Amino acid sequence: MAAFSQGRRLVKNAVAAARWSETQRQELRAPVPQLTPEQREDVIRTLLVSINSGKMRVEPVGAPF
């Protein structure tokens, strides 16, 4: 559950800041392998919906995660 909480918190903070940075991308890579498929889908879906709806700007070049 700690990895899931970490991933959700990271994405939530990024949405609040309206930006997804290279640092956040790197930080998200740590908990993702520890998540169940359902948890991974939840975290990634939240991130992608926020990006696609224009709620945050993506700063890294390439994939957001």
C-alpha atoms as a PDB file:
ATOM      1  CA  MET A   1       0.000   0.000   0.000  1.00  0.00           C
ATOM      2  CA  ALA A   2       2.912   2.372   0.588  1.00  0.00           C
ATOM      3  CA  ALA A   3       3.884   2.277  -3.087  1.00  0.00           C
ATOM      4  CA  PHE A   4       0.289   2.967  -4.140  1.00  0.00           C
ATOM      5  CA  SER A   5       0.032   5.882  -1.718  1.00  0.00           C
ATOM      6  CA  GLN A   6       3.337   7.256  -2.979  1.00  0.00           C
ATOM      7  CA  GLY A   7       2.242   7.065  -6.620  1.00  0.00           C
ATOM      8  CA  ARG A   8      -1.164   8.623  -5.950  1.00  0.00           C
ATOM      9  CA  ARG A   9       0.389  11.407  -3.854  1.00  0.00           C
ATOM     10  CA  LEU A  10       2.939  12.191  -6.547  1.00  0.00           C
ATOM     11  CA  VAL A  11       0.275  12.487  -9.246  1.00  0.00           C
ATOM     12  CA  LYS A  12      -2.074  14.450  -6.966  1.00  0.00           C
ATOM     13  CA  ASN A  13       0.678  16.966  -6.175  1.00  0.00           C
ATOM     14  CA  ALA A  14       1.520  17.295  -9.878  1.00  0.00           C
ATOM     15  CA  VAL A  15      -2.123  18.009 -10.728  1.00  0.00           C
ATOM     16  CA  ALA A  16      -2.244  20.645  -7.988  1.00  0.00           C
ATOM     17  CA  ALA A  17       0.940  22.242  -9.361  1.00  0.00           C
ATOM     18  CA  ALA A  18      -0.370  21.920 -12.955  1.00  0.00           C
ATOM     19  CA  ARG A  19       2.949  20.514 -14.191  1.00  0.00           C
ATOM     20  CA  TRP A  20       4.640  17.165 -14.703  1.00  0.00           C
ATOM     21  CA  SER A  21       8.421  17.420 -14.553  1.00  0.00           C
ATOM     22  CA  GLU A  22      11.334  15.130 -15.309  1.00  0.00           C
ATOM     23  CA  THR A  23      11.921  14.758 -11.568  1.00  0.00           C
ATOM     24  CA  GLN A  24       8.350  13.600 -11.012  1.00  0.00           C
ATOM     25  CA  ARG A  25       8.643  11.160 -13.898  1.00  0.00           C
ATOM     26  CA  GLN A  26      11.750   9.662 -12.293  1.00  0.00           C
ATOM     27  CA  GLU A  27      10.079   9.520  -8.873  1.00  0.00           C
ATOM     28  CA  LEU A  28       7.062   7.680 -10.286  1.00  0.00           C
ATOM     29  CA  ARG A  29       9.280   4.962 -11.722  1.00  0.00           C
ATOM     30  CA  ALA A  30      10.204   3.731  -8.217  1.00  0.00           C
ATOM     31  CA  PRO A  31       6.774   2.654  -6.929  1.00  0.00           C
ATOM     32  CA  VAL A  32       5.221   1.508 -10.229  1.00  0.00           C
ATOM     33  CA  PRO A  33       6.835  -1.966 -10.332  1.00  0.00           C
ATOM     34  CA  GLN A  34       5.502  -2.637  -6.819  1.00  0.00           C
ATOM     35  CA  LEU A  35       1.877  -1.902  -7.744  1.00  0.00           C
ATOM     36  CA  THR A  36      -0.787  -4.419  -8.627  1.00  0.00           C
ATOM     37  CA  PRO A  37      -2.108  -4.100 -12.186  1.00  0.00           C
ATOM     38  CA  GLU A  38      -5.235  -2.386 -10.863  1.00  0.00           C
ATOM     39  CA  GLN A  39      -3.262   0.084  -8.767  1.00  0.00           C
ATOM     40  CA  ARG A  40      -0.903   0.821 -11.657  1.00  0.00           C
ATOM     41  CA  GLU A  41      -3.876   1.468 -13.944  1.00  0.00           C
ATOM     42  CA  ASP A  42      -5.417   3.828 -11.383  1.00  0.00           C
ATOM     43  CA  VAL A  43      -2.251   5.920 -10.964  1.00  0.00           C
ATOM     44  CA  ILE A  44      -1.421   6.050 -14.683  1.00  0.00           C
ATOM     45  CA  ARG A  45      -5.033   6.774 -15.678  1.00  0.00           C
ATOM     46  CA  THR A  46      -5.193   9.714 -13.262  1.00  0.00           C
ATOM     47  CA  LEU A  47      -1.944  11.075 -14.669  1.00  0.00           C
ATOM     48  CA  LEU A  48      -2.937  10.651 -18.319  1.00  0.00           C
ATOM     49  CA  VAL A  49      -6.436  12.085 -17.894  1.00  0.00           C
ATOM     50  CA  SER A  50      -4.940  15.162 -16.225  1.00  0.00           C
ATOM     51  CA  ILE A  51      -2.407  15.589 -19.023  1.00  0.00           C
ATOM     52  CA  ASN A  52      -4.889  14.980 -21.833  1.00  0.00           C
ATOM     53  CA  SER A  53      -7.477  17.346 -20.369  1.00  0.00           C
ATOM     54  CA  GLY A  54      -4.904  20.141 -20.183  1.00  0.00           C
ATOM     55  CA  LYS A  55      -4.891  20.308 -16.384  1.00  0.00           C
ATOM     56  CA  MET A  56      -1.114  20.069 -16.351  1.00  0.00           C
ATOM     57  CA  ARG A  57       1.781  20.857 -18.610  1.00  0.00           C
ATOM     58  CA  VAL A  58       4.338  18.132 -19.360  1.00  0.00           C
ATOM     59  CA  GLU A  59       7.948  19.267 -19.240  1.00  0.00           C
ATOM     60  CA  PRO A  60       9.941  16.101 -20.024  1.00  0.00           C
ATOM     61  CA  VAL A  61      10.460  15.122 -23.622  1.00  0.00           C
ATOM     62  CA  GLY A  62       9.069  11.679 -24.368  1.00  0.00           C
ATOM     63  CA  ALA A  63       6.744   9.450 -22.410  1.00  0.00           C
ATOM     64  CA  PRO A  64       5.374  10.956 -19.178  1.00  0.00           C
ATOM     65  CA  PHE A  65       6.254   7.861 -17.137  1.00  0.00           C
END
